Amino acid sequence: MTIRPDNIPTIDDLYLFAAIGHLASARNHLQAAVFKFDDAGYEHDPTSRAYSFVASIFAEFNGRQGLSPAPSSQMPTNVIPDHVVQAAREYRRQARRTY
């Protein structure tokens, strides 16, 4: 961005840009932590949820949809198709991972 007299950002914009930069960094570090837990054979749900939450905030700042709404009581409890569950089990068996 070239700074000219007609496009000087306000101090509030600079604070906002800095906050978005920190969110991007947090998202990247949390994603790396989730991958490292997964590579070690662990599933750490709080880290995954934290990554998801930070990623949704970052997505909203970029004009995309954030977190999807909470499931209602009318939604079925198991919305993952059986063939996807079977494929995940087969992958875990082949990779010798157990959760």
PDB file of N, CA and C in Angstrom:
ATOM      1  N   MET A   1       0.845  -1.171   0.000  1.00  0.00           N
ATOM      2  CA  MET A   1       0.000   0.000   0.000  1.00  0.00           C
ATOM      3  C   MET A   1       0.889   1.233   0.000  1.00  0.00           C
ATOM      4  N   THR A   2       0.645   2.107  -0.926  1.00  0.00           N
ATOM      5  CA  THR A   2       1.369   3.365  -0.995  1.00  0.00           C
ATOM      6  C   THR A   2       0.611   4.404  -0.185  1.00  0.00           C
ATOM      7  N   ILE A   3       1.304   5.028   0.730  1.00  0.00           N
ATOM      8  CA  ILE A   3       0.665   6.042   1.576  1.00  0.00           C
ATOM      9  C   ILE A   3       0.777   7.392   0.878  1.00  0.00           C
ATOM     10  N   ARG A   4      -0.372   7.996   0.651  1.00  0.00           N
ATOM     11  CA  ARG A   4      -0.444   9.338   0.066  1.00  0.00           C
ATOM     12  C   ARG A   4      -1.332  10.174   0.980  1.00  0.00           C
ATOM     13  N   PRO A   5      -1.317  11.473   0.829  1.00  0.00           N
ATOM     14  CA  PRO A   5      -2.140  12.311   1.718  1.00  0.00           C
ATOM     15  C   PRO A   5      -3.633  11.992   1.671  1.00  0.00           C
ATOM     16  N   ASP A   6      -4.118  11.440   0.560  1.00  0.00           N
ATOM     17  CA  ASP A   6      -5.547  11.177   0.460  1.00  0.00           C
ATOM     18  C   ASP A   6      -5.942   9.789   0.994  1.00  0.00           C
ATOM     19  N   ASN A   7      -4.977   8.940   1.346  1.00  0.00           N
ATOM     20  CA  ASN A   7      -5.351   7.611   1.850  1.00  0.00           C
ATOM     21  C   ASN A   7      -4.616   7.241   3.141  1.00  0.00           C
ATOM     22  N   ILE A   8      -4.284   8.223   3.961  1.00  0.00           N
ATOM     23  CA  ILE A   8      -3.612   7.945   5.232  1.00  0.00           C
ATOM     24  C   ILE A   8      -4.606   7.234   6.153  1.00  0.00           C
ATOM     25  N   PRO A   9      -4.242   6.043   6.655  1.00  0.00           N
ATOM     26  CA  PRO A   9      -5.168   5.332   7.548  1.00  0.00           C
ATOM     27  C   PRO A   9      -5.259   6.039   8.903  1.00  0.00           C
ATOM     28  N   THR A  10      -6.428   5.949   9.493  1.00  0.00           N
ATOM     29  CA  THR A  10      -6.621   6.533  10.820  1.00  0.00           C
ATOM     30  C   THR A  10      -5.954   5.637  11.855  1.00  0.00           C
ATOM     31  N   ILE A  11      -5.807   6.157  13.053  1.00  0.00           N
ATOM     32  CA  ILE A  11      -5.191   5.374  14.127  1.00  0.00           C
ATOM     33  C   ILE A  11      -6.058   4.164  14.463  1.00  0.00           C
ATOM     34  N   ASP A  12      -7.398   4.316  14.364  1.00  0.00           N
ATOM     35  CA  ASP A  12      -8.296   3.186  14.603  1.00  0.00           C
ATOM     36  C   ASP A  12      -8.095   2.094  13.559  1.00  0.00           C
ATOM     37  N   ASP A  13      -7.887   2.508  12.309  1.00  0.00           N
ATOM     38  CA  ASP A  13      -7.617   1.515  11.260  1.00  0.00           C
ATOM     39  C   ASP A  13      -6.312   0.782  11.523  1.00  0.00           C
ATOM     40  N   LEU A  14      -5.298   1.504  11.979  1.00  0.00           N
ATOM     41  CA  LEU A  14      -4.020   0.869  12.265  1.00  0.00           C
ATOM     42  C   LEU A  14      -4.159  -0.142  13.399  1.00  0.00           C
ATOM     43  N   TYR A  15      -4.923   0.204  14.437  1.00  0.00           N
ATOM     44  CA  TYR A  15      -5.165  -0.746  15.534  1.00  0.00           C
ATOM     45  C   TYR A  15      -5.918  -1.971  15.030  1.00  0.00           C
ATOM     46  N   LEU A  16      -6.905  -1.746  14.167  1.00  0.00           N
ATOM     47  CA  LEU A  16      -7.678  -2.853  13.606  1.00  0.00           C
ATOM     48  C   LEU A  16      -6.786  -3.761  12.765  1.00  0.00           C
ATOM     49  N   PHE A  17      -5.924  -3.170  11.925  1.00  0.00           N
ATOM     50  CA  PHE A  17      -5.017  -3.968  11.100  1.00  0.00           C
ATOM     51  C   PHE A  17      -4.062  -4.778  11.967  1.00  0.00           C
ATOM     52  N   ALA A  18      -3.581  -4.176  13.061  1.00  0.00           N
ATOM     53  CA  ALA A  18      -2.686  -4.899  13.969  1.00  0.00           C
ATOM     54  C   ALA A  18      -3.424  -6.058  14.630  1.00  0.00           C
ATOM     55  N   ALA A  19      -4.671  -5.830  15.056  1.00  0.00           N
ATOM     56  CA  ALA A  19      -5.451  -6.899  15.691  1.00  0.00           C
ATOM     57  C   ALA A  19      -5.710  -8.035  14.713  1.00  0.00           C
ATOM     58  N   ILE A  20      -6.011  -7.715  13.471  1.00  0.00           N
ATOM     59  CA  ILE A  20      -6.244  -8.749  12.468  1.00  0.00           C
ATOM     60  C   ILE A  20      -4.957  -9.531  12.203  1.00  0.00           C
ATOM     61  N   GLY A  21      -3.831  -8.839  12.205  1.00  0.00           N
ATOM     62  CA  GLY A  21      -2.550  -9.527  12.045  1.00  0.00           C
ATOM     63  C   GLY A  21      -2.274 -10.496  13.185  1.00  0.00           C
ATOM     64  N   HIS A  22      -2.595 -10.081  14.410  1.00  0.00           N
ATOM     65  CA  HIS A  22      -2.417 -10.977  15.556  1.00  0.00           C
ATOM     66  C   HIS A  22      -3.366 -12.167  15.483  1.00  0.00           C
ATOM     67  N   LEU A  23      -4.599 -11.937  15.021  1.00  0.00           N
ATOM     68  CA  LEU A  23      -5.541 -13.051  14.850  1.00  0.00           C
ATOM     69  C   LEU A  23      -5.032 -14.035  13.807  1.00  0.00           C
ATOM     70  N   ALA A  24      -4.472 -13.523  12.727  1.00  0.00           N
ATOM     71  CA  ALA A  24      -3.944 -14.412  11.688  1.00  0.00           C
ATOM     72  C   ALA A  24      -2.797 -15.248  12.248  1.00  0.00           C
ATOM     73  N   SER A  25      -1.941 -14.625  13.028  1.00  0.00           N
ATOM     74  CA  SER A  25      -0.833 -15.359  13.640  1.00  0.00           C
ATOM     75  C   SER A  25      -1.340 -16.419  14.613  1.00  0.00           C
ATOM     76  N   ALA A  26      -2.325 -16.059  15.439  1.00  0.00           N
ATOM     77  CA  ALA A  26      -2.897 -17.011  16.395  1.00  0.00           C
ATOM     78  C   ALA A  26      -3.537 -18.187  15.663  1.00  0.00           C
ATOM     79  N   ARG A  27      -4.241 -17.892  14.579  1.00  0.00           N
ATOM     80  CA  ARG A  27      -4.874 -18.957  13.803  1.00  0.00           C
ATOM     81  C   ARG A  27      -3.829 -19.919  13.255  1.00  0.00           C
ATOM     82  N   ASN A  28      -2.748 -19.374  12.714  1.00  0.00           N
ATOM     83  CA  ASN A  28      -1.705 -20.222  12.139  1.00  0.00           C
ATOM     84  C   ASN A  28      -1.022 -21.073  13.208  1.00  0.00           C
ATOM     85  N   HIS A  29      -0.755 -20.489  14.369  1.00  0.00           N
ATOM     86  CA  HIS A  29      -0.102 -21.243  15.436  1.00  0.00           C
ATOM     87  C   HIS A  29      -1.026 -22.326  16.000  1.00  0.00           C
ATOM     88  N   LEU A  30      -2.303 -22.009  16.138  1.00  0.00           N
ATOM     89  CA  LEU A  30      -3.249 -23.019  16.630  1.00  0.00           C
ATOM     90  C   LEU A  30      -3.407 -24.153  15.626  1.00  0.00           C
ATOM     91  N   GLN A  31      -3.417 -23.820  14.339  1.00  0.00           N
ATOM     92  CA  GLN A  31      -3.518 -24.867  13.327  1.00  0.00           C
ATOM     93  C   GLN A  31      -2.283 -25.770  13.372  1.00  0.00           C
ATOM     94  N   ALA A  32      -1.115 -25.186  13.548  1.00  0.00           N
ATOM     95  CA  ALA A  32       0.101 -25.990  13.664  1.00  0.00           C
ATOM     96  C   ALA A  32       0.041 -26.892  14.888  1.00  0.00           C
ATOM     97  N   ALA A  33      -0.505 -26.377  16.001  1.00  0.00           N
ATOM     98  CA  ALA A  33      -0.624 -27.193  17.213  1.00  0.00           C
ATOM     99  C   ALA A  33      -1.578 -28.357  16.993  1.00  0.00           C
ATOM    100  N   VAL A  34      -2.695 -28.105  16.319  1.00  0.00           N
ATOM    101  CA  VAL A  34      -3.652 -29.178  16.034  1.00  0.00           C
ATOM    102  C   VAL A  34      -2.988 -30.253  15.182  1.00  0.00           C
ATOM    103  N   PHE A  35      -2.229 -29.847  14.158  1.00  0.00           N
ATOM    104  CA  PHE A  35      -1.550 -30.817  13.303  1.00  0.00           C
ATOM    105  C   PHE A  35      -0.507 -31.620  14.075  1.00  0.00           C
ATOM    106  N   LYS A  36       0.222 -30.962  14.967  1.00  0.00           N
ATOM    107  CA  LYS A  36       1.245 -31.672  15.734  1.00  0.00           C
ATOM    108  C   LYS A  36       0.618 -32.658  16.718  1.00  0.00           C
ATOM    109  N   PHE A  37      -0.508 -32.272  17.333  1.00  0.00           N
ATOM    110  CA  PHE A  37      -1.224 -33.225  18.182  1.00  0.00           C
ATOM    111  C   PHE A  37      -1.673 -34.425  17.358  1.00  0.00           C
ATOM    112  N   ASP A  38      -2.187 -34.146  16.157  1.00  0.00           N
ATOM    113  CA  ASP A  38      -2.664 -35.222  15.298  1.00  0.00           C
ATOM    114  C   ASP A  38      -1.514 -36.134  14.871  1.00  0.00           C
ATOM    115  N   ASP A  39      -0.386 -35.553  14.526  1.00  0.00           N
ATOM    116  CA  ASP A  39       0.779 -36.367  14.139  1.00  0.00           C
ATOM    117  C   ASP A  39       1.279 -37.228  15.289  1.00  0.00           C
ATOM    118  N   ALA A  40       1.115 -36.741  16.520  1.00  0.00           N
ATOM    119  CA  ALA A  40       1.546 -37.511  17.685  1.00  0.00           C
ATOM    120  C   ALA A  40       0.522 -38.567  18.074  1.00  0.00           C
ATOM    121  N   GLY A  41      -0.635 -38.557  17.417  1.00  0.00           N
ATOM    122  CA  GLY A  41      -1.655 -39.561  17.693  1.00  0.00           C
ATOM    123  C   GLY A  41      -2.656 -39.146  18.749  1.00  0.00           C
ATOM    124  N   TYR A  42      -2.731 -37.853  19.047  1.00  0.00           N
ATOM    125  CA  TYR A  42      -3.667 -37.369  20.056  1.00  0.00           C
ATOM    126  C   TYR A  42      -4.742 -36.523  19.395  1.00  0.00           C
ATOM    127  N   GLU A  43      -5.858 -36.451  20.058  1.00  0.00           N
ATOM    128  CA  GLU A  43      -6.921 -35.551  19.625  1.00  0.00           C
ATOM    129  C   GLU A  43      -7.201 -34.630  20.798  1.00  0.00           C
ATOM    130  N   HIS A  44      -6.814 -33.374  20.667  1.00  0.00           N
ATOM    131  CA  HIS A  44      -6.976 -32.406  21.750  1.00  0.00           C
ATOM    132  C   HIS A  44      -8.101 -31.456  21.359  1.00  0.00           C
ATOM    133  N   ASP A  45      -9.291 -31.753  21.831  1.00  0.00           N
ATOM    134  CA  ASP A  45     -10.480 -31.019  21.427  1.00  0.00           C
ATOM    135  C   ASP A  45     -10.434 -29.532  21.788  1.00  0.00           C
ATOM    136  N   PRO A  46      -9.963 -29.133  22.966  1.00  0.00           N
ATOM    137  CA  PRO A  46      -9.929 -27.687  23.250  1.00  0.00           C
ATOM    138  C   PRO A  46      -9.073 -26.893  22.262  1.00  0.00           C
ATOM    139  N   THR A  47      -7.963 -27.456  21.819  1.00  0.00           N
ATOM    140  CA  THR A  47      -7.128 -26.765  20.836  1.00  0.00           C
ATOM    141  C   THR A  47      -7.844 -26.679  19.497  1.00  0.00           C
ATOM    142  N   SER A  48      -8.528 -27.729  19.115  1.00  0.00           N
ATOM    143  CA  SER A  48      -9.276 -27.718  17.853  1.00  0.00           C
ATOM    144  C   SER A  48     -10.392 -26.693  17.891  1.00  0.00           C
ATOM    145  N   ARG A  49     -11.092 -26.627  19.024  1.00  0.00           N
ATOM    146  CA  ARG A  49     -12.168 -25.638  19.149  1.00  0.00           C
ATOM    147  C   ARG A  49     -11.626 -24.214  19.156  1.00  0.00           C
ATOM    148  N   ALA A  50     -10.486 -24.002  19.809  1.00  0.00           N
ATOM    149  CA  ALA A  50      -9.887 -22.665  19.830  1.00  0.00           C
ATOM    150  C   ALA A  50      -9.484 -22.245  18.420  1.00  0.00           C
ATOM    151  N   TYR A  51      -8.889 -23.170  17.654  1.00  0.00           N
ATOM    152  CA  TYR A  51      -8.531 -22.867  16.268  1.00  0.00           C
ATOM    153  C   TYR A  51      -9.773 -22.520  15.457  1.00  0.00           C
ATOM    154  N   SER A  52     -10.829 -23.301  15.629  1.00  0.00           N
ATOM    155  CA  SER A  52     -12.061 -23.068  14.880  1.00  0.00           C
ATOM    156  C   SER A  52     -12.652 -21.700  15.214  1.00  0.00           C
ATOM    157  N   PHE A  53     -12.628 -21.334  16.491  1.00  0.00           N
ATOM    158  CA  PHE A  53     -13.195 -20.059  16.909  1.00  0.00           C
ATOM    159  C   PHE A  53     -12.386 -18.893  16.341  1.00  0.00           C
ATOM    160  N   VAL A  54     -11.063 -18.959  16.437  1.00  0.00           N
ATOM    161  CA  VAL A  54     -10.217 -17.878  15.923  1.00  0.00           C
ATOM    162  C   VAL A  54     -10.331 -17.794  14.396  1.00  0.00           C
ATOM    163  N   ALA A  55     -10.390 -18.941  13.734  1.00  0.00           N
ATOM    164  CA  ALA A  55     -10.528 -18.947  12.278  1.00  0.00           C
ATOM    165  C   ALA A  55     -11.857 -18.330  11.846  1.00  0.00           C
ATOM    166  N   SER A  56     -12.918 -18.547  12.626  1.00  0.00           N
ATOM    167  CA  SER A  56     -14.213 -17.961  12.261  1.00  0.00           C
ATOM    168  C   SER A  56     -14.207 -16.450  12.447  1.00  0.00           C
ATOM    169  N   ILE A  57     -13.517 -15.955  13.488  1.00  0.00           N
ATOM    170  CA  ILE A  57     -13.403 -14.503  13.666  1.00  0.00           C
ATOM    171  C   ILE A  57     -12.633 -13.901  12.495  1.00  0.00           C
ATOM    172  N   PHE A  58     -11.537 -14.538  12.120  1.00  0.00           N
ATOM    173  CA  PHE A  58     -10.727 -14.065  11.002  1.00  0.00           C
ATOM    174  C   PHE A  58     -11.541 -14.089   9.709  1.00  0.00           C
ATOM    175  N   ALA A  59     -12.361 -15.119   9.522  1.00  0.00           N
ATOM    176  CA  ALA A  59     -13.185 -15.224   8.314  1.00  0.00           C
ATOM    177  C   ALA A  59     -14.211 -14.088   8.247  1.00  0.00           C
ATOM    178  N   GLU A  60     -14.801 -13.734   9.395  1.00  0.00           N
ATOM    179  CA  GLU A  60     -15.773 -12.646   9.406  1.00  0.00           C
ATOM    180  C   GLU A  60     -15.134 -11.322   9.016  1.00  0.00           C
ATOM    181  N   PHE A  61     -13.890 -11.079   9.428  1.00  0.00           N
ATOM    182  CA  PHE A  61     -13.197  -9.852   9.040  1.00  0.00           C
ATOM    183  C   PHE A  61     -12.890  -9.836   7.553  1.00  0.00           C
ATOM    184  N   ASN A  62     -12.799 -11.001   6.928  1.00  0.00           N
ATOM    185  CA  ASN A  62     -12.545 -11.085   5.494  1.00  0.00           C
ATOM    186  C   ASN A  62     -13.826 -11.214   4.682  1.00  0.00           C
ATOM    187  N   GLY A  63     -14.969 -11.022   5.323  1.00  0.00           N
ATOM    188  CA  GLY A  63     -16.237 -11.015   4.600  1.00  0.00           C
ATOM    189  C   GLY A  63     -16.815 -12.382   4.310  1.00  0.00           C
ATOM    190  N   ARG A  64     -16.334 -13.414   4.994  1.00  0.00           N
ATOM    191  CA  ARG A  64     -16.890 -14.756   4.798  1.00  0.00           C
ATOM    192  C   ARG A  64     -17.708 -15.133   6.023  1.00  0.00           C
ATOM    193  N   GLN A  65     -18.454 -16.211   5.900  1.00  0.00           N
ATOM    194  CA  GLN A  65     -19.287 -16.663   7.005  1.00  0.00           C
ATOM    195  C   GLN A  65     -18.409 -17.244   8.100  1.00  0.00           C
ATOM    196  N   GLY A  66     -18.723 -16.903   9.336  1.00  0.00           N
ATOM    197  CA  GLY A  66     -17.971 -17.415  10.472  1.00  0.00           C
ATOM    198  C   GLY A  66     -18.506 -18.762  10.908  1.00  0.00           C
ATOM    199  N   LEU A  67     -18.634 -18.924  12.214  1.00  0.00           N
ATOM    200  CA  LEU A  67     -19.143 -20.186  12.760  1.00  0.00           C
ATOM    201  C   LEU A  67     -20.556 -20.448  12.270  1.00  0.00           C
ATOM    202  N   SER A  68     -20.848 -21.691  11.955  1.00  0.00           N
ATOM    203  CA  SER A  68     -22.207 -22.044  11.594  1.00  0.00           C
ATOM    204  C   SER A  68     -23.064 -22.051  12.857  1.00  0.00           C
ATOM    205  N   PRO A  69     -24.340 -21.817  12.717  1.00  0.00           N
ATOM    206  CA  PRO A  69     -25.185 -21.761  13.910  1.00  0.00           C
ATOM    207  C   PRO A  69     -25.193 -23.083  14.670  1.00  0.00           C
ATOM    208  N   ALA A  70     -25.495 -22.984  15.951  1.00  0.00           N
ATOM    209  CA  ALA A  70     -25.551 -24.185  16.790  1.00  0.00           C
ATOM    210  C   ALA A  70     -26.638 -25.121  16.272  1.00  0.00           C
ATOM    211  N   PRO A  71     -26.404 -26.426  16.330  1.00  0.00           N
ATOM    212  CA  PRO A  71     -27.409 -27.362  15.829  1.00  0.00           C
ATOM    213  C   PRO A  71     -28.683 -27.295  16.662  1.00  0.00           C
ATOM    214  N   SER A  72     -29.793 -27.383  15.987  1.00  0.00           N
ATOM    215  CA  SER A  72     -31.071 -27.355  16.699  1.00  0.00           C
ATOM    216  C   SER A  72     -31.441 -28.769  17.134  1.00  0.00           C
ATOM    217  N   SER A  73     -32.433 -28.843  17.974  1.00  0.00           N
ATOM    218  CA  SER A  73     -32.855 -30.155  18.470  1.00  0.00           C
ATOM    219  C   SER A  73     -33.524 -30.987  17.376  1.00  0.00           C
ATOM    220  N   GLN A  74     -33.900 -30.359  16.258  1.00  0.00           N
ATOM    221  CA  GLN A  74     -34.558 -31.100  15.190  1.00  0.00           C
ATOM    222  C   GLN A  74     -33.559 -31.756  14.245  1.00  0.00           C
ATOM    223  N   MET A  75     -32.278 -31.380  14.340  1.00  0.00           N
ATOM    224  CA  MET A  75     -31.275 -31.982  13.477  1.00  0.00           C
ATOM    225  C   MET A  75     -30.941 -33.385  13.968  1.00  0.00           C
ATOM    226  N   PRO A  76     -30.662 -34.310  13.057  1.00  0.00           N
ATOM    227  CA  PRO A  76     -30.261 -35.649  13.498  1.00  0.00           C
ATOM    228  C   PRO A  76     -28.915 -35.587  14.211  1.00  0.00           C
ATOM    229  N   THR A  77     -28.700 -36.510  15.140  1.00  0.00           N
ATOM    230  CA  THR A  77     -27.468 -36.479  15.923  1.00  0.00           C
ATOM    231  C   THR A  77     -26.260 -36.891  15.099  1.00  0.00           C
ATOM    232  N   ASN A  78     -26.413 -37.813  14.181  1.00  0.00           N
ATOM    233  CA  ASN A  78     -25.292 -38.264  13.368  1.00  0.00           C
ATOM    234  C   ASN A  78     -25.509 -37.813  11.931  1.00  0.00           C
ATOM    235  N   VAL A  79     -24.906 -36.687  11.557  1.00  0.00           N
ATOM    236  CA  VAL A  79     -25.087 -36.172  10.204  1.00  0.00           C
ATOM    237  C   VAL A  79     -23.940 -36.579   9.283  1.00  0.00           C
ATOM    238  N   ILE A  80     -22.957 -37.316   9.810  1.00  0.00           N
ATOM    239  CA  ILE A  80     -21.842 -37.786   8.989  1.00  0.00           C
ATOM    240  C   ILE A  80     -22.251 -39.099   8.336  1.00  0.00           C
ATOM    241  N   PRO A  81     -22.161 -39.193   7.015  1.00  0.00           N
ATOM    242  CA  PRO A  81     -22.554 -40.429   6.336  1.00  0.00           C
ATOM    243  C   PRO A  81     -21.689 -41.610   6.794  1.00  0.00           C
ATOM    244  N   ASP A  82     -22.271 -42.791   6.751  1.00  0.00           N
ATOM    245  CA  ASP A  82     -21.584 -44.000   7.202  1.00  0.00           C
ATOM    246  C   ASP A  82     -20.316 -44.294   6.401  1.00  0.00           C
ATOM    247  N   HIS A  83     -20.334 -44.016   5.086  1.00  0.00           N
ATOM    248  CA  HIS A  83     -19.145 -44.315   4.285  1.00  0.00           C
ATOM    249  C   HIS A  83     -17.964 -43.421   4.680  1.00  0.00           C
ATOM    250  N   VAL A  84     -18.239 -42.198   5.169  1.00  0.00           N
ATOM    251  CA  VAL A  84     -17.160 -41.318   5.625  1.00  0.00           C
ATOM    252  C   VAL A  84     -16.575 -41.848   6.933  1.00  0.00           C
ATOM    253  N   VAL A  85     -17.444 -42.311   7.822  1.00  0.00           N
ATOM    254  CA  VAL A  85     -16.984 -42.880   9.095  1.00  0.00           C
ATOM    255  C   VAL A  85     -16.139 -44.126   8.835  1.00  0.00           C
ATOM    256  N   GLN A  86     -16.581 -44.980   7.924  1.00  0.00           N
ATOM    257  CA  GLN A  86     -15.821 -46.189   7.602  1.00  0.00           C
ATOM    258  C   GLN A  86     -14.471 -45.849   6.982  1.00  0.00           C
ATOM    259  N   ALA A  87     -14.438 -44.835   6.120  1.00  0.00           N
ATOM    260  CA  ALA A  87     -13.173 -44.418   5.510  1.00  0.00           C
ATOM    261  C   ALA A  87     -12.213 -43.873   6.568  1.00  0.00           C
ATOM    262  N   ALA A  88     -12.743 -43.128   7.535  1.00  0.00           N
ATOM    263  CA  ALA A  88     -11.895 -42.608   8.613  1.00  0.00           C
ATOM    264  C   ALA A  88     -11.326 -43.740   9.456  1.00  0.00           C
ATOM    265  N   ARG A  89     -12.150 -44.740   9.753  1.00  0.00           N
ATOM    266  CA  ARG A  89     -11.659 -45.885  10.519  1.00  0.00           C
ATOM    267  C   ARG A  89     -10.573 -46.636   9.756  1.00  0.00           C
ATOM    268  N   GLU A  90     -10.777 -46.813   8.465  1.00  0.00           N
ATOM    269  CA  GLU A  90      -9.790 -47.520   7.646  1.00  0.00           C
ATOM    270  C   GLU A  90      -8.479 -46.725   7.587  1.00  0.00           C
ATOM    271  N   TYR A  91      -8.581 -45.394   7.458  1.00  0.00           N
ATOM    272  CA  TYR A  91      -7.372 -44.570   7.439  1.00  0.00           C
ATOM    273  C   TYR A  91      -6.609 -44.705   8.759  1.00  0.00           C
ATOM    274  N   ARG A  92      -7.324 -44.641   9.871  1.00  0.00           N
ATOM    275  CA  ARG A  92      -6.673 -44.766  11.178  1.00  0.00           C
ATOM    276  C   ARG A  92      -6.012 -46.132  11.336  1.00  0.00           C
ATOM    277  N   ARG A  93      -6.680 -47.171  10.814  1.00  0.00           N
ATOM    278  CA  ARG A  93      -6.099 -48.509  10.910  1.00  0.00           C
ATOM    279  C   ARG A  93      -4.818 -48.592  10.091  1.00  0.00           C
ATOM    280  N   GLN A  94      -4.850 -48.074   8.872  1.00  0.00           N
ATOM    281  CA  GLN A  94      -3.673 -48.130   8.010  1.00  0.00           C
ATOM    282  C   GLN A  94      -2.537 -47.264   8.552  1.00  0.00           C
ATOM    283  N   ALA A  95      -2.871 -46.138   9.157  1.00  0.00           N
ATOM    284  CA  ALA A  95      -1.834 -45.234   9.698  1.00  0.00           C
ATOM    285  C   ALA A  95      -1.416 -45.640  11.094  1.00  0.00           C
ATOM    286  N   ARG A  96      -2.031 -46.714  11.613  1.00  0.00           N
ATOM    287  CA  ARG A  96      -1.753 -47.212  12.967  1.00  0.00           C
ATOM    288  C   ARG A  96      -1.980 -46.143  14.026  1.00  0.00           C
ATOM    289  N   ARG A  97      -3.093 -45.430  13.871  1.00  0.00           N
ATOM    290  CA  ARG A  97      -3.475 -44.405  14.827  1.00  0.00           C
ATOM    291  C   ARG A  97      -4.727 -44.845  15.556  1.00  0.00           C
ATOM    292  N   THR A  98      -4.757 -44.621  16.827  1.00  0.00           N
ATOM    293  CA  THR A  98      -5.961 -44.895  17.597  1.00  0.00           C
ATOM    294  C   THR A  98      -6.298 -43.665  18.409  1.00  0.00           C
ATOM    295  N   TYR A  99      -7.554 -43.329  18.440  1.00  0.00           N
ATOM    296  CA  TYR A  99      -8.022 -42.168  19.204  1.00  0.00           C
ATOM    297  C   TYR A  99      -8.943 -42.655  20.284  1.00  0.00           C
TER     298      TYR A  99
END
